Amino acid sequence: MLIDLKPTITQALQSNAALASLLGRDDLGDVKVYPEQSPNVEKPYVTYFELSNFDNKFANDKAISSSIHFQVDVWSNGNTYPIAQAVDETMCELGFFRRAARDFNENEKGIYHKVLRYSKTHIGG
């Protein structure tokens, strides 16, 4: 059973008031949260994508749950921690658990980049 959680994640992250305050809005008035990659917007912003999505439990030859993994990237001109914390709260509220968090050194570009990886087992359709 293939589950599409992208709309749910987008809506939840954009609805987080703390995150909206930290990120601001783009020219369309949307909180700067984007699946896969951002349009040409100023930092800070958040991007995310699905790493994997596979059936993991079966009953009567039919999938009854899926294991779903997402990566969320925080892009900023400074400290990523407040944004990452707001993202983490939202993802945990959606039933994900954080499997990893890592800072990437992109000082030569003047970018602060934090990667957060999440997993969830989704039961049912």
C-alpha atoms as a PDB file:
ATOM      1  CA  MET A   1       0.000   0.000   0.000  1.00  0.00           C
ATOM      2  CA  LEU A   2       1.608   3.204  -1.163  1.00  0.00           C
ATOM      3  CA  ILE A   3       0.887   6.123   1.162  1.00  0.00           C
ATOM      4  CA  ASP A   4       1.413   9.758   0.097  1.00  0.00           C
ATOM      5  CA  LEU A   5       2.138  11.855   3.190  1.00  0.00           C
ATOM      6  CA  LYS A   6       3.557  14.888   1.359  1.00  0.00           C
ATOM      7  CA  PRO A   7       0.313  16.930   1.498  1.00  0.00           C
ATOM      8  CA  THR A   8      -0.068  16.113   5.204  1.00  0.00           C
ATOM      9  CA  ILE A   9       3.519  17.137   5.966  1.00  0.00           C
ATOM     10  CA  THR A  10       3.293  20.360   3.943  1.00  0.00           C
ATOM     11  CA  GLN A  11       0.061  21.363   5.652  1.00  0.00           C
ATOM     12  CA  ALA A  12       1.340  20.528   9.147  1.00  0.00           C
ATOM     13  CA  LEU A  13       4.649  22.377   8.728  1.00  0.00           C
ATOM     14  CA  GLN A  14       2.984  25.429   7.181  1.00  0.00           C
ATOM     15  CA  SER A  15       0.406  25.474   9.990  1.00  0.00           C
ATOM     16  CA  ASN A  16       3.059  25.565  12.732  1.00  0.00           C
ATOM     17  CA  ALA A  17       2.869  29.193  13.946  1.00  0.00           C
ATOM     18  CA  ALA A  18       6.386  29.139  15.429  1.00  0.00           C
ATOM     19  CA  LEU A  19       7.836  27.780  12.197  1.00  0.00           C
ATOM     20  CA  ALA A  20       5.904  30.312  10.106  1.00  0.00           C
ATOM     21  CA  SER A  21       7.300  33.104  12.271  1.00  0.00           C
ATOM     22  CA  LEU A  22      10.872  31.832  11.853  1.00  0.00           C
ATOM     23  CA  LEU A  23      10.677  31.192   8.098  1.00  0.00           C
ATOM     24  CA  GLY A  24       8.436  33.980   6.882  1.00  0.00           C
ATOM     25  CA  ARG A  25       6.422  33.798   3.681  1.00  0.00           C
ATOM     26  CA  ASP A  26       7.293  33.727   0.007  1.00  0.00           C
ATOM     27  CA  ASP A  27       5.940  35.988  -2.759  1.00  0.00           C
ATOM     28  CA  LEU A  28       2.780  33.853  -2.967  1.00  0.00           C
ATOM     29  CA  GLY A  29       2.122  34.294   0.752  1.00  0.00           C
ATOM     30  CA  ASP A  30       2.969  30.693   1.626  1.00  0.00           C
ATOM     31  CA  VAL A  31       5.185  29.699   4.556  1.00  0.00           C
ATOM     32  CA  LYS A  32       8.565  28.769   3.048  1.00  0.00           C
ATOM     33  CA  VAL A  33       8.203  24.963   3.201  1.00  0.00           C
ATOM     34  CA  TYR A  34       8.751  23.095  -0.073  1.00  0.00           C
ATOM     35  CA  PRO A  35       8.698  19.483  -1.234  1.00  0.00           C
ATOM     36  CA  GLU A  36      11.982  18.482  -2.903  1.00  0.00           C
ATOM     37  CA  GLN A  37      13.517  21.903  -3.604  1.00  0.00           C
ATOM     38  CA  SER A  38      12.688  25.525  -3.057  1.00  0.00           C
ATOM     39  CA  PRO A  39      11.919  28.039  -5.730  1.00  0.00           C
ATOM     40  CA  ASN A  40      14.295  30.980  -5.792  1.00  0.00           C
ATOM     41  CA  VAL A  41      13.591  32.338  -2.291  1.00  0.00           C
ATOM     42  CA  GLU A  42      15.730  33.898   0.377  1.00  0.00           C
ATOM     43  CA  LYS A  43      16.820  31.843   3.364  1.00  0.00           C
ATOM     44  CA  PRO A  44      15.604  30.645   5.748  1.00  0.00           C
ATOM     45  CA  TYR A  45      13.410  27.939   4.274  1.00  0.00           C
ATOM     46  CA  VAL A  46      12.686  24.233   4.654  1.00  0.00           C
ATOM     47  CA  THR A  47      12.682  21.523   2.000  1.00  0.00           C
ATOM     48  CA  TYR A  48      11.729  17.886   2.402  1.00  0.00           C
ATOM     49  CA  PHE A  49      11.462  14.700   0.397  1.00  0.00           C
ATOM     50  CA  GLU A  50      10.515  11.073   0.789  1.00  0.00           C
ATOM     51  CA  LEU A  51      13.509   8.780   1.222  1.00  0.00           C
ATOM     52  CA  SER A  52      11.598   5.488   1.099  1.00  0.00           C
ATOM     53  CA  ASN A  53       8.107   4.078   1.349  1.00  0.00           C
ATOM     54  CA  PHE A  54       7.636   0.317   1.501  1.00  0.00           C
ATOM     55  CA  ASP A  55       5.229  -2.327   2.783  1.00  0.00           C
ATOM     56  CA  ASN A  56       6.487  -3.865   5.995  1.00  0.00           C
ATOM     57  CA  LYS A  57       3.696  -6.044   7.417  1.00  0.00           C
ATOM     58  CA  PHE A  58       1.273  -8.359   5.691  1.00  0.00           C
ATOM     59  CA  ALA A  59      -1.909 -10.296   6.497  1.00  0.00           C
ATOM     60  CA  ASN A  60      -3.735 -12.595   4.094  1.00  0.00           C
ATOM     61  CA  ASP A  61      -1.215 -11.755   1.351  1.00  0.00           C
ATOM     62  CA  LYS A  62      -2.065  -8.060   1.621  1.00  0.00           C
ATOM     63  CA  ALA A  63       0.009  -5.162   2.984  1.00  0.00           C
ATOM     64  CA  ILE A  64      -1.356  -3.815   6.255  1.00  0.00           C
ATOM     65  CA  SER A  65       1.353  -1.270   7.083  1.00  0.00           C
ATOM     66  CA  SER A  66       4.058   0.782   5.434  1.00  0.00           C
ATOM     67  CA  SER A  67       7.394   2.053   6.630  1.00  0.00           C
ATOM     68  CA  ILE A  68       7.840   5.661   5.508  1.00  0.00           C
ATOM     69  CA  HIS A  69      11.025   7.740   5.758  1.00  0.00           C
ATOM     70  CA  PHE A  70      11.462  11.461   5.089  1.00  0.00           C
ATOM     71  CA  GLN A  71      14.344  13.885   5.091  1.00  0.00           C
ATOM     72  CA  VAL A  72      13.759  17.501   6.095  1.00  0.00           C
ATOM     73  CA  ASP A  73      16.445  20.078   5.282  1.00  0.00           C
ATOM     74  CA  VAL A  74      16.732  23.423   7.068  1.00  0.00           C
ATOM     75  CA  TRP A  75      18.491  26.153   5.072  1.00  0.00           C
ATOM     76  CA  SER A  76      19.500  29.367   6.824  1.00  0.00           C
ATOM     77  CA  ASN A  77      21.951  32.262   6.969  1.00  0.00           C
ATOM     78  CA  GLY A  78      22.496  31.574  10.681  1.00  0.00           C
ATOM     79  CA  ASN A  79      21.572  29.268  13.529  1.00  0.00           C
ATOM     80  CA  THR A  80      19.348  26.403  12.316  1.00  0.00           C
ATOM     81  CA  TYR A  81      18.394  25.157  15.776  1.00  0.00           C
ATOM     82  CA  PRO A  82      15.137  27.127  16.356  1.00  0.00           C
ATOM     83  CA  ILE A  83      13.802  26.107  12.938  1.00  0.00           C
ATOM     84  CA  ALA A  84      14.900  22.492  13.385  1.00  0.00           C
ATOM     85  CA  GLN A  85      13.206  22.385  16.786  1.00  0.00           C
ATOM     86  CA  ALA A  86       9.908  23.646  15.316  1.00  0.00           C
ATOM     87  CA  VAL A  87      10.159  21.097  12.480  1.00  0.00           C
ATOM     88  CA  ASP A  88      10.905  18.316  14.957  1.00  0.00           C
ATOM     89  CA  GLU A  89       7.860  19.160  17.082  1.00  0.00           C
ATOM     90  CA  THR A  90       5.595  19.056  14.027  1.00  0.00           C
ATOM     91  CA  MET A  91       7.003  15.818  12.637  1.00  0.00           C
ATOM     92  CA  CYS A  92       6.675  14.132  16.044  1.00  0.00           C
ATOM     93  CA  GLU A  93       3.054  15.316  16.276  1.00  0.00           C
ATOM     94  CA  LEU A  94       2.475  13.527  12.936  1.00  0.00           C
ATOM     95  CA  GLY A  95       3.751  10.283  14.484  1.00  0.00           C
ATOM     96  CA  PHE A  96       7.265  10.355  13.036  1.00  0.00           C
ATOM     97  CA  PHE A  97      10.343   9.773  15.125  1.00  0.00           C
ATOM     98  CA  ARG A  98      13.667  11.421  14.418  1.00  0.00           C
ATOM     99  CA  ARG A  99      16.327   8.941  13.335  1.00  0.00           C
ATOM    100  CA  ALA A 100      19.098  11.453  12.726  1.00  0.00           C
ATOM    101  CA  ALA A 101      20.040  15.122  12.796  1.00  0.00           C
ATOM    102  CA  ARG A 102      23.219  16.442  11.242  1.00  0.00           C
ATOM    103  CA  ASP A 103      24.765  19.804  10.446  1.00  0.00           C
ATOM    104  CA  PHE A 104      26.480  20.179   7.089  1.00  0.00           C
ATOM    105  CA  ASN A 105      29.385  22.581   6.797  1.00  0.00           C
ATOM    106  CA  GLU A 106      28.742  24.831   3.824  1.00  0.00           C
ATOM    107  CA  ASN A 107      30.631  27.842   5.175  1.00  0.00           C
ATOM    108  CA  GLU A 108      32.238  28.615   1.819  1.00  0.00           C
ATOM    109  CA  LYS A 109      28.729  29.289   0.510  1.00  0.00           C
ATOM    110  CA  GLY A 110      27.599  31.106   3.653  1.00  0.00           C
ATOM    111  CA  ILE A 111      24.853  28.533   4.205  1.00  0.00           C
ATOM    112  CA  TYR A 112      23.841  26.863   7.429  1.00  0.00           C
ATOM    113  CA  HIS A 113      22.283  23.492   6.534  1.00  0.00           C
ATOM    114  CA  LYS A 114      20.774  20.985   8.951  1.00  0.00           C
ATOM    115  CA  VAL A 115      19.419  17.599   7.859  1.00  0.00           C
ATOM    116  CA  LEU A 116      16.732  15.831   9.897  1.00  0.00           C
ATOM    117  CA  ARG A 117      15.641  12.279   9.056  1.00  0.00           C
ATOM    118  CA  TYR A 118      12.349  10.791  10.199  1.00  0.00           C
ATOM    119  CA  SER A 119      10.607   7.404  10.117  1.00  0.00           C
ATOM    120  CA  LYS A 120       7.062   6.269  10.692  1.00  0.00           C
ATOM    121  CA  THR A 121       5.080   3.061  10.409  1.00  0.00           C
ATOM    122  CA  HIS A 122       1.720   3.827   8.844  1.00  0.00           C
ATOM    123  CA  ILE A 123      -0.999   1.240   9.510  1.00  0.00           C
ATOM    124  CA  GLY A 124      -3.988   0.900   7.220  1.00  0.00           C
ATOM    125  CA  GLY A 125      -4.945   2.697   4.034  1.00  0.00           C
END
